[in-house]
């Protein structure tokens, strides 16, 4: 007697074909390609707009980060839905598989993705911020699903997993603003005329092309205890845009040191 049709075992390959739709896989790949192209197009457009409208640069960078994040999440979800036949049995199987995978093989990646969501919501820093993390200091250029990228003042690109920011301290110098307070230190011998030296630093600050005088600035004077009697002058002023940090510090230092030589202000260790 012939067995019923329902009792016939379906080969695993046939089950796989039923679960993974061949035509859907192609559709999924097309969706992923469109998503990738849309992300690149939107990011490039917002970067060009940020260059054109400098006062909105940080806001546009933050919008680009959010759009990139949600476009990738949405594109992956739609591509998976188009590629896989989501029957009840398949959903249960995928749930178990995903749980095991996240728990073991991809635990670090899953932690970074969840940490990325936390960074987007909590916002300890934003794209465009000057951030100090561990031994690195630079501008945050992107916040992705897995990692944060920053470019240092030496033009090195540093990639840091998102989950690192949940367990270690991170300092943001401007926290979403274009302007940023930059301290620049100068040292003179304690035998020099401190009032003249202070006035030189103040004049060099106010005449600097990169300084933002719309916020308070000052010169802080203190004594440094060392083998040589030294006075430290710290110029604290805001720069117009964080991207001018190096230019501001360089031009200020050059002008102050030149003025010191002109006024015969002796630096520590120099003959009086």
Protein backbone atom coordinates (compact mmCIF):
# COMPACT_ATOMS: atom_id res chain seq x y z
CA UNK A 1 0.00 0.00 0.00
CA UNK A 2 1.32 3.42 -1.00
CA UNK A 3 1.97 5.88 1.86
CA UNK A 4 -0.05 9.04 2.03
CA UNK A 5 1.43 12.06 0.38
CA UNK A 6 1.61 13.88 3.74
CA UNK A 7 3.71 11.09 5.20
CA UNK A 8 6.41 11.39 2.58
CA UNK A 9 9.52 13.03 4.02
CA UNK A 10 10.40 16.27 2.26
CA UNK A 11 14.13 16.51 1.51
CA UNK A 12 16.07 19.12 3.45
CA UNK A 13 17.01 20.85 0.20
CA UNK A 14 13.35 21.26 -0.69
CA UNK A 15 12.60 22.65 2.76
CA UNK A 16 15.45 25.10 2.32
CA UNK A 17 14.09 26.22 -1.04
CA UNK A 18 10.67 26.72 0.55
CA UNK A 19 12.18 28.74 3.39
CA UNK A 20 14.58 30.85 1.33
CA UNK A 21 12.85 32.29 -1.70
CA UNK A 22 15.28 32.34 -4.61
CA UNK A 23 13.54 35.25 -6.26
CA UNK A 24 13.32 36.96 -2.91
CA UNK A 25 17.08 36.70 -2.39
CA UNK A 26 17.62 38.63 -5.61
CA UNK A 27 15.06 41.19 -4.48
CA UNK A 28 16.79 41.43 -1.11
CA UNK A 29 20.16 42.06 -2.73
CA UNK A 30 18.58 44.77 -4.89
CA UNK A 31 17.06 46.35 -1.77
CA UNK A 32 20.42 46.30 0.00
CA UNK A 33 22.09 47.86 -3.03
CA UNK A 34 19.46 50.60 -3.20
CA UNK A 35 19.85 51.20 0.54
CA UNK A 36 23.62 51.50 0.23
CA UNK A 37 23.29 53.88 -2.73
CA UNK A 38 20.65 55.98 -0.91
CA UNK A 39 22.88 56.26 2.17
CA UNK A 40 25.86 57.36 0.09
CA UNK A 41 23.74 59.87 -1.86
CA UNK A 42 22.11 61.41 1.22
CA UNK A 43 25.40 61.55 3.15
CA UNK A 44 27.20 63.25 0.25
CA UNK A 45 24.36 65.76 -0.19
CA UNK A 46 24.34 66.66 3.51
CA UNK A 47 28.14 66.96 3.59
CA UNK A 48 28.02 69.39 0.65
CA UNK A 49 25.28 71.36 2.41
CA UNK A 50 27.41 71.44 5.58
CA UNK A 51 30.31 72.88 3.62
CA UNK A 52 28.06 75.52 2.06
CA UNK A 53 26.23 76.41 5.27
CA UNK A 54 29.01 76.28 7.86
CA UNK A 55 26.81 77.37 10.77
CA UNK A 56 24.60 74.29 10.19
CA UNK A 57 27.45 71.83 9.59
CA UNK A 58 27.20 69.95 12.89
CA UNK A 59 23.41 69.72 12.72
CA UNK A 60 23.55 68.34 9.17
CA UNK A 61 26.21 65.81 10.21
CA UNK A 62 23.98 64.64 13.05
CA UNK A 63 20.99 64.32 10.70
CA UNK A 64 23.14 62.28 8.30
CA UNK A 65 24.11 59.93 11.14
CA UNK A 66 20.49 59.32 12.15
CA UNK A 67 19.35 58.79 8.56
CA UNK A 68 22.23 56.41 7.84
CA UNK A 69 21.45 54.42 10.99
CA UNK A 70 17.72 53.98 10.30
CA UNK A 71 18.13 53.41 6.55
CA UNK A 72 20.50 50.51 7.17
CA UNK A 73 18.20 49.01 9.82
CA UNK A 74 15.15 49.37 7.57
CA UNK A 75 16.93 48.10 4.44
CA UNK A 76 18.24 45.00 6.20
CA UNK A 77 14.81 44.24 7.69
CA UNK A 78 13.03 44.60 4.33
CA UNK A 79 15.69 42.54 2.54
CA UNK A 80 15.39 39.71 5.07
CA UNK A 81 11.60 39.79 4.84
CA UNK A 82 11.73 39.56 1.04
CA UNK A 83 14.29 36.74 1.04
CA UNK A 84 12.83 34.43 3.67
CA UNK A 85 9.41 32.79 3.85
CA UNK A 86 8.37 33.84 7.33
CA UNK A 87 6.05 30.98 8.26
CA UNK A 88 5.37 30.20 11.90
CA UNK A 89 7.89 27.38 11.96
CA UNK A 90 10.53 29.52 10.28
CA UNK A 91 9.97 32.38 12.73
CA UNK A 92 10.44 30.01 15.65
CA UNK A 93 13.56 28.53 14.07
CA UNK A 94 15.02 31.94 13.29
CA UNK A 95 14.26 33.19 16.78
CA UNK A 96 16.19 30.34 18.32
CA UNK A 97 19.04 30.66 15.84
CA UNK A 98 19.36 34.42 16.30
CA UNK A 99 19.28 34.06 20.07
CA UNK A 100 22.06 31.47 20.05
CA UNK A 101 24.10 33.45 17.51
CA UNK A 102 23.85 36.70 19.45
CA UNK A 103 24.58 34.90 22.68
CA UNK A 104 27.79 33.30 21.42
CA UNK A 105 29.26 34.10 18.03
CA UNK A 106 28.08 37.69 17.69
CA UNK A 107 27.90 38.82 21.31
CA UNK A 108 30.48 41.58 20.79
CA UNK A 109 28.81 42.79 17.61
CA UNK A 110 25.38 42.72 19.25
CA UNK A 111 26.76 44.65 22.22
CA UNK A 112 28.20 47.28 19.87
CA UNK A 113 24.90 47.62 17.98
CA UNK A 114 22.91 48.03 21.19
CA UNK A 115 25.53 50.47 22.43
CA UNK A 116 25.16 52.39 19.16
CA UNK A 117 21.44 52.76 19.81
CA UNK A 118 22.24 53.97 23.33
CA UNK A 119 24.70 56.56 21.98
CA UNK A 120 22.11 57.85 19.52
CA UNK A 121 19.48 58.20 22.26
CA UNK A 122 21.66 59.35 25.18
CA UNK A 123 23.92 61.59 23.05
CA UNK A 124 27.03 61.90 25.23
CA UNK A 125 28.62 63.30 22.09
CA UNK A 126 27.59 63.95 18.50
CA UNK A 127 29.03 63.89 15.02
CA UNK A 128 31.28 66.93 14.67
CA UNK A 129 32.25 67.03 18.35
CA UNK A 130 35.89 67.20 19.42
CA UNK A 131 36.18 64.20 21.72
CA UNK A 132 38.91 62.81 23.95
CA UNK A 133 38.69 59.05 24.49
CA UNK A 134 41.48 57.07 26.11
CA UNK A 135 44.69 58.24 24.38
CA UNK A 136 42.88 59.64 21.33
CA UNK A 137 41.62 63.16 20.66
CA UNK A 138 39.91 64.27 17.48
CA UNK A 139 36.66 65.05 15.68
CA UNK A 140 33.89 62.45 15.49
CA UNK A 141 33.19 61.90 11.80
CA UNK A 142 30.61 59.10 11.94
CA UNK A 143 28.55 57.01 14.38
CA UNK A 144 27.61 53.66 12.88
CA UNK A 145 25.90 50.45 13.97
CA UNK A 146 29.16 48.92 15.14
CA UNK A 147 31.65 51.68 15.80
CA UNK A 148 32.45 55.37 16.08
CA UNK A 149 35.08 56.92 13.84
CA UNK A 150 37.11 59.98 14.65
CA UNK A 151 39.92 61.78 12.87
CA UNK A 152 42.78 63.03 15.03
CA UNK A 153 44.66 66.29 14.64
CA UNK A 154 47.40 64.24 12.95
CA UNK A 155 44.82 63.14 10.34
CA UNK A 156 44.67 59.55 11.62
CA UNK A 157 41.32 57.76 11.40
CA UNK A 158 40.52 55.94 14.66
CA UNK A 159 37.73 53.34 14.84
CA UNK A 160 36.34 52.56 18.29
CA UNK A 161 33.65 49.90 19.01
CA UNK A 162 30.45 51.45 20.37
CA UNK A 163 30.37 49.32 23.52
CA UNK A 164 33.66 50.87 24.69
CA UNK A 165 31.87 54.18 25.28
CA UNK A 166 29.47 52.55 27.77
CA UNK A 167 32.22 51.48 30.17
CA UNK A 168 34.87 54.20 29.79
CA UNK A 169 34.81 57.97 30.25
CA UNK A 170 34.65 60.20 27.19
CA UNK A 171 35.00 64.00 27.13
CA UNK A 172 33.31 66.24 24.53
CA UNK A 173 34.92 69.65 24.14
CA UNK A 174 32.12 71.41 22.23
CA UNK A 175 29.08 69.09 22.61
CA UNK A 176 27.23 69.98 19.45
CA UNK A 177 28.43 73.57 19.10
CA UNK A 178 30.67 75.02 16.41
CA UNK A 179 32.67 77.15 18.84
CA UNK A 180 34.97 75.58 21.43
CA UNK A 181 37.11 76.81 24.31
CA UNK A 182 40.80 76.27 23.62
CA UNK A 183 43.47 76.86 26.29
CA UNK A 184 46.96 77.77 25.05
CA UNK A 185 49.80 77.89 27.59
CA UNK A 186 52.78 80.24 27.68
CA UNK A 187 55.68 80.26 30.15
CA UNK A 188 57.95 83.11 31.18
CA UNK A 189 60.61 83.62 33.82
CA UNK A 190 59.16 84.88 37.11
CA UNK A 191 61.62 87.82 37.03
CA UNK A 192 59.86 89.31 33.98
CA UNK A 193 57.15 91.95 33.92
CA UNK A 194 54.04 89.77 34.20
CA UNK A 195 51.66 92.65 33.45
CA UNK A 196 53.33 93.35 30.09
CA UNK A 197 53.38 89.65 29.21
CA UNK A 198 49.71 89.33 30.11
CA UNK A 199 48.81 92.37 28.00
CA UNK A 200 50.69 90.89 25.02
CA UNK A 201 48.72 87.66 25.26
CA UNK A 202 45.42 89.55 25.54
CA UNK A 203 46.17 91.67 22.47
CA UNK A 204 47.15 88.59 20.47
CA UNK A 205 43.88 86.90 21.42
CA UNK A 206 41.64 89.79 20.40
CA UNK A 207 43.44 90.28 17.08
CA UNK A 208 43.39 86.60 16.10
CA UNK A 209 41.27 85.92 13.01
CA UNK A 210 40.00 82.57 14.33
CA UNK A 211 38.84 83.72 17.78
CA UNK A 212 35.16 84.05 18.68
CA UNK A 213 34.82 87.15 20.86
CA UNK A 214 31.08 86.62 21.35
CA UNK A 215 31.92 84.49 24.40
CA UNK A 216 34.03 85.39 27.44
CA UNK A 217 37.78 84.97 27.20
CA UNK A 218 40.55 85.47 29.73
CA UNK A 219 44.23 85.01 30.54
CA UNK A 220 44.90 83.03 33.71
CA UNK A 221 48.25 83.54 35.47
CA UNK A 222 49.78 81.06 37.89
CA UNK A 223 53.16 80.16 39.34
CA UNK A 224 54.79 76.87 38.41
CA UNK A 225 56.93 75.16 41.03
CA UNK A 226 60.01 73.71 39.36
CA UNK A 227 63.81 74.01 39.35
CA UNK A 228 63.45 77.29 37.45
CA UNK A 229 61.12 79.99 38.77
CA UNK A 230 58.36 80.08 36.14
CA UNK A 231 55.07 81.86 35.56
CA UNK A 232 52.40 80.21 33.40
CA UNK A 233 49.94 82.26 31.37
CA UNK A 234 46.96 80.34 29.96
CA UNK A 235 45.04 82.03 27.14
CA UNK A 236 41.44 80.76 27.28
CA UNK A 237 39.29 81.79 24.33
CA UNK A 238 36.70 80.29 22.01
CA UNK A 239 37.52 79.47 18.42
CA UNK A 240 34.95 80.29 15.70
CA UNK A 241 34.79 76.72 14.43
CA UNK A 242 36.34 73.56 15.86
CA UNK A 243 38.01 72.88 12.52
CA UNK A 244 40.20 75.94 13.12
CA UNK A 245 41.61 74.64 16.41
CA UNK A 246 45.12 73.97 15.09
CA UNK A 247 45.28 77.20 13.08
CA UNK A 248 44.19 79.25 16.08
CA UNK A 249 46.72 77.71 18.48
CA UNK A 250 49.52 78.01 15.91
CA UNK A 251 48.95 81.66 14.96
CA UNK A 252 48.41 82.68 18.58
CA UNK A 253 51.63 80.98 19.71
CA UNK A 254 53.69 82.49 16.90
CA UNK A 255 52.45 86.04 17.54
CA UNK A 256 52.84 85.84 21.32
CA UNK A 257 56.40 84.48 21.15
CA UNK A 258 57.37 87.12 18.57
CA UNK A 259 55.95 89.86 20.80
CA UNK A 260 57.79 88.42 23.81
CA UNK A 261 61.09 88.68 21.92
CA UNK A 262 60.29 92.22 20.81
CA UNK A 263 59.53 93.30 24.41
CA UNK A 264 62.50 91.33 25.74
CA UNK A 265 60.33 88.98 27.78
CA UNK A 266 62.63 86.11 28.81
CA UNK A 267 61.38 82.55 28.69
CA UNK A 268 62.33 80.00 31.37
CA UNK A 269 65.91 78.77 30.93
CA UNK A 270 66.92 81.65 28.62
CA UNK A 271 69.69 84.02 29.72
CA UNK A 272 68.28 87.22 31.23
